[in-house]
Amino acid sequence: MDVLEEKALILFGERVRELRKQKDWTQEELAFQTKLHRTYIGAVERGEQNISLKNIVKIATVLEVNLADMFTNWE
């Protein structure tokens, strides 16, 4: 994985964490709502997991944001 791909995973994970915290949810609550495992959510937030589009849609849906909002504030 190159540096740009790693940075993208980290930025995406930070965005997921930000949106989750705006709802005052724990990783466990987000995992429950998305039917994903808590350790998977943690790995996504740390930029360790190369998340699929299917799971991005699940997370965006339960966080009540559109897909474009998942990728805002990227530089």
N, C-alpha and C. Protein backbone atom coordinates (compact mmCIF):
# COMPACT_ATOMS: atom_id res chain seq x y z
N MET A 1 0.86 -1.18 0.00
CA MET A 1 0.00 0.00 0.00
C MET A 1 0.90 1.23 0.00
N ASP A 2 0.57 2.18 -0.86
CA ASP A 2 1.41 3.37 -0.91
C ASP A 2 0.94 4.42 0.10
N VAL A 3 1.71 5.47 0.20
CA VAL A 3 1.47 6.51 1.20
C VAL A 3 0.11 7.18 1.00
N LEU A 4 -0.27 7.44 -0.24
CA LEU A 4 -1.56 8.08 -0.52
C LEU A 4 -2.72 7.20 -0.08
N GLU A 5 -2.63 5.91 -0.32
CA GLU A 5 -3.68 4.99 0.11
C GLU A 5 -3.77 4.93 1.62
N GLU A 6 -2.64 4.89 2.29
CA GLU A 6 -2.64 4.87 3.76
C GLU A 6 -3.24 6.15 4.32
N LYS A 7 -2.90 7.29 3.72
CA LYS A 7 -3.45 8.57 4.19
C LYS A 7 -4.97 8.60 4.01
N ALA A 8 -5.44 8.06 2.90
CA ALA A 8 -6.89 8.02 2.64
C ALA A 8 -7.60 7.20 3.71
N LEU A 9 -7.03 6.06 4.08
CA LEU A 9 -7.65 5.22 5.11
C LEU A 9 -7.68 5.95 6.46
N ILE A 10 -6.60 6.64 6.77
CA ILE A 10 -6.54 7.38 8.04
C ILE A 10 -7.56 8.52 8.04
N LEU A 11 -7.63 9.29 6.96
CA LEU A 11 -8.59 10.40 6.89
C LEU A 11 -10.03 9.89 6.96
N PHE A 12 -10.30 8.78 6.28
CA PHE A 12 -11.65 8.23 6.34
C PHE A 12 -11.98 7.78 7.75
N GLY A 13 -11.06 7.11 8.39
CA GLY A 13 -11.27 6.65 9.77
C GLY A 13 -11.51 7.80 10.72
N GLU A 14 -10.76 8.88 10.56
CA GLU A 14 -10.96 10.06 11.40
C GLU A 14 -12.35 10.65 11.19
N ARG A 15 -12.82 10.62 9.94
CA ARG A 15 -14.16 11.14 9.64
C ARG A 15 -15.24 10.26 10.28
N VAL A 16 -15.07 8.95 10.20
CA VAL A 16 -16.03 8.05 10.84
C VAL A 16 -16.08 8.34 12.34
N ARG A 17 -14.92 8.46 12.97
CA ARG A 17 -14.85 8.74 14.40
C ARG A 17 -15.56 10.07 14.73
N GLU A 18 -15.29 11.09 13.93
CA GLU A 18 -15.91 12.40 14.14
C GLU A 18 -17.44 12.31 14.07
N LEU A 19 -17.94 11.66 13.03
CA LEU A 19 -19.39 11.54 12.86
C LEU A 19 -20.01 10.68 13.97
N ARG A 20 -19.31 9.62 14.37
CA ARG A 20 -19.80 8.77 15.46
C ARG A 20 -19.89 9.56 16.76
N LYS A 21 -18.88 10.34 17.03
CA LYS A 21 -18.87 11.12 18.28
C LYS A 21 -19.93 12.22 18.27
N GLN A 22 -20.26 12.74 17.10
CA GLN A 22 -21.33 13.73 17.00
C GLN A 22 -22.66 13.15 17.45
N LYS A 23 -22.83 11.86 17.27
CA LYS A 23 -24.04 11.18 17.74
C LYS A 23 -23.89 10.70 19.19
N ASP A 24 -22.71 10.94 19.77
CA ASP A 24 -22.41 10.51 21.13
C ASP A 24 -22.53 9.00 21.27
N TRP A 25 -22.04 8.29 20.25
CA TRP A 25 -22.07 6.83 20.24
C TRP A 25 -20.68 6.27 20.53
N THR A 26 -20.65 5.12 21.14
CA THR A 26 -19.42 4.37 21.29
C THR A 26 -19.18 3.56 20.01
N GLN A 27 -17.99 2.99 19.89
CA GLN A 27 -17.74 2.09 18.77
C GLN A 27 -18.69 0.90 18.84
N GLU A 28 -19.01 0.47 20.04
CA GLU A 28 -19.92 -0.66 20.20
C GLU A 28 -21.30 -0.33 19.65
N GLU A 29 -21.78 0.89 19.90
CA GLU A 29 -23.10 1.29 19.40
C GLU A 29 -23.10 1.37 17.88
N LEU A 30 -22.06 1.96 17.32
CA LEU A 30 -21.98 2.01 15.86
C LEU A 30 -21.92 0.61 15.27
N ALA A 31 -21.16 -0.26 15.88
CA ALA A 31 -21.08 -1.64 15.41
C ALA A 31 -22.44 -2.32 15.46
N PHE A 32 -23.15 -2.13 16.55
CA PHE A 32 -24.49 -2.73 16.70
C PHE A 32 -25.43 -2.21 15.61
N GLN A 33 -25.43 -0.91 15.42
CA GLN A 33 -26.34 -0.30 14.44
C GLN A 33 -26.04 -0.74 13.00
N THR A 34 -24.75 -0.94 12.70
CA THR A 34 -24.36 -1.33 11.33
C THR A 34 -24.29 -2.83 11.14
N LYS A 35 -24.41 -3.58 12.23
CA LYS A 35 -24.25 -5.04 12.19
C LYS A 35 -22.84 -5.44 11.75
N LEU A 36 -21.86 -4.60 12.12
CA LEU A 36 -20.46 -4.89 11.90
C LEU A 36 -19.82 -5.15 13.25
N HIS A 37 -18.68 -5.80 13.27
CA HIS A 37 -18.02 -6.12 14.54
C HIS A 37 -17.33 -4.88 15.12
N ARG A 38 -17.32 -4.77 16.43
CA ARG A 38 -16.70 -3.63 17.10
C ARG A 38 -15.22 -3.49 16.75
N THR A 39 -14.52 -4.61 16.66
CA THR A 39 -13.09 -4.52 16.33
C THR A 39 -12.88 -4.03 14.89
N TYR A 40 -13.83 -4.34 14.03
CA TYR A 40 -13.77 -3.85 12.65
C TYR A 40 -13.94 -2.34 12.64
N ILE A 41 -14.91 -1.83 13.39
CA ILE A 41 -15.13 -0.38 13.48
C ILE A 41 -13.87 0.29 14.01
N GLY A 42 -13.28 -0.27 15.04
CA GLY A 42 -12.05 0.29 15.60
C GLY A 42 -10.93 0.33 14.58
N ALA A 43 -10.78 -0.75 13.81
CA ALA A 43 -9.74 -0.80 12.78
C ALA A 43 -10.00 0.22 11.68
N VAL A 44 -11.26 0.43 11.32
CA VAL A 44 -11.60 1.45 10.32
C VAL A 44 -11.22 2.83 10.86
N GLU A 45 -11.59 3.12 12.09
CA GLU A 45 -11.29 4.43 12.67
C GLU A 45 -9.79 4.68 12.80
N ARG A 46 -9.01 3.65 12.98
CA ARG A 46 -7.55 3.80 13.08
C ARG A 46 -6.87 3.77 11.71
N GLY A 47 -7.64 3.58 10.64
CA GLY A 47 -7.07 3.54 9.30
C GLY A 47 -6.35 2.24 9.00
N GLU A 48 -6.68 1.20 9.72
CA GLU A 48 -6.04 -0.10 9.54
C GLU A 48 -6.82 -1.03 8.61
N GLN A 49 -8.06 -0.71 8.36
CA GLN A 49 -8.95 -1.59 7.59
C GLN A 49 -9.28 -0.93 6.26
N ASN A 50 -9.06 -1.65 5.17
CA ASN A 50 -9.46 -1.17 3.86
C ASN A 50 -10.95 -1.49 3.68
N ILE A 51 -11.78 -0.54 4.01
CA ILE A 51 -13.22 -0.74 4.09
C ILE A 51 -13.85 -0.83 2.70
N SER A 52 -14.86 -1.66 2.57
CA SER A 52 -15.57 -1.81 1.30
C SER A 52 -16.63 -0.72 1.15
N LEU A 53 -17.02 -0.48 -0.09
CA LEU A 53 -18.08 0.48 -0.36
C LEU A 53 -19.37 0.08 0.33
N LYS A 54 -19.65 -1.21 0.36
CA LYS A 54 -20.86 -1.73 1.01
C LYS A 54 -20.89 -1.30 2.49
N ASN A 55 -19.75 -1.41 3.17
CA ASN A 55 -19.71 -1.04 4.58
C ASN A 55 -19.69 0.47 4.78
N ILE A 56 -19.13 1.22 3.82
CA ILE A 56 -19.21 2.68 3.88
C ILE A 56 -20.67 3.11 3.83
N VAL A 57 -21.44 2.47 2.94
CA VAL A 57 -22.87 2.79 2.82
C VAL A 57 -23.59 2.46 4.13
N LYS A 58 -23.30 1.33 4.73
CA LYS A 58 -23.93 0.97 6.01
C LYS A 58 -23.65 2.03 7.07
N ILE A 59 -22.39 2.43 7.18
CA ILE A 59 -22.02 3.41 8.20
C ILE A 59 -22.68 4.75 7.92
N ALA A 60 -22.65 5.21 6.68
CA ALA A 60 -23.28 6.49 6.33
C ALA A 60 -24.77 6.46 6.63
N THR A 61 -25.41 5.35 6.34
CA THR A 61 -26.85 5.23 6.56
C THR A 61 -27.19 5.34 8.04
N VAL A 62 -26.50 4.62 8.89
CA VAL A 62 -26.84 4.67 10.32
C VAL A 62 -26.41 5.98 10.97
N LEU A 63 -25.37 6.63 10.41
CA LEU A 63 -24.97 7.94 10.93
C LEU A 63 -25.82 9.07 10.35
N GLU A 64 -26.69 8.70 9.42
CA GLU A 64 -27.63 9.64 8.79
C GLU A 64 -26.92 10.77 8.06
N VAL A 65 -25.92 10.39 7.26
CA VAL A 65 -25.22 11.34 6.40
C VAL A 65 -25.18 10.76 5.00
N ASN A 66 -25.02 11.63 4.00
CA ASN A 66 -24.90 11.09 2.64
C ASN A 66 -23.46 10.68 2.40
N LEU A 67 -23.25 9.93 1.36
CA LEU A 67 -21.91 9.39 1.08
C LEU A 67 -20.87 10.49 0.93
N ALA A 68 -21.23 11.59 0.30
CA ALA A 68 -20.27 12.68 0.11
C ALA A 68 -19.79 13.21 1.46
N ASP A 69 -20.65 13.23 2.46
CA ASP A 69 -20.26 13.71 3.80
C ASP A 69 -19.21 12.82 4.45
N MET A 70 -19.10 11.60 3.99
CA MET A 70 -18.09 10.69 4.55
C MET A 70 -16.69 11.09 4.10
N PHE A 71 -16.61 11.92 3.05
CA PHE A 71 -15.32 12.26 2.48
C PHE A 71 -15.04 13.76 2.49
N THR A 72 -15.68 14.48 3.40
CA THR A 72 -15.43 15.92 3.48
C THR A 72 -14.20 16.19 4.32
N ASN A 73 -13.63 17.36 4.15
CA ASN A 73 -12.45 17.84 4.89
C ASN A 73 -11.20 17.01 4.61
N TRP A 74 -11.10 16.46 3.43
CA TRP A 74 -9.89 15.73 3.03
C TRP A 74 -8.95 16.72 2.36
N GLU A 75 -7.70 16.67 2.72
CA GLU A 75 -6.71 17.54 2.09
C GLU A 75 -5.52 16.76 1.66
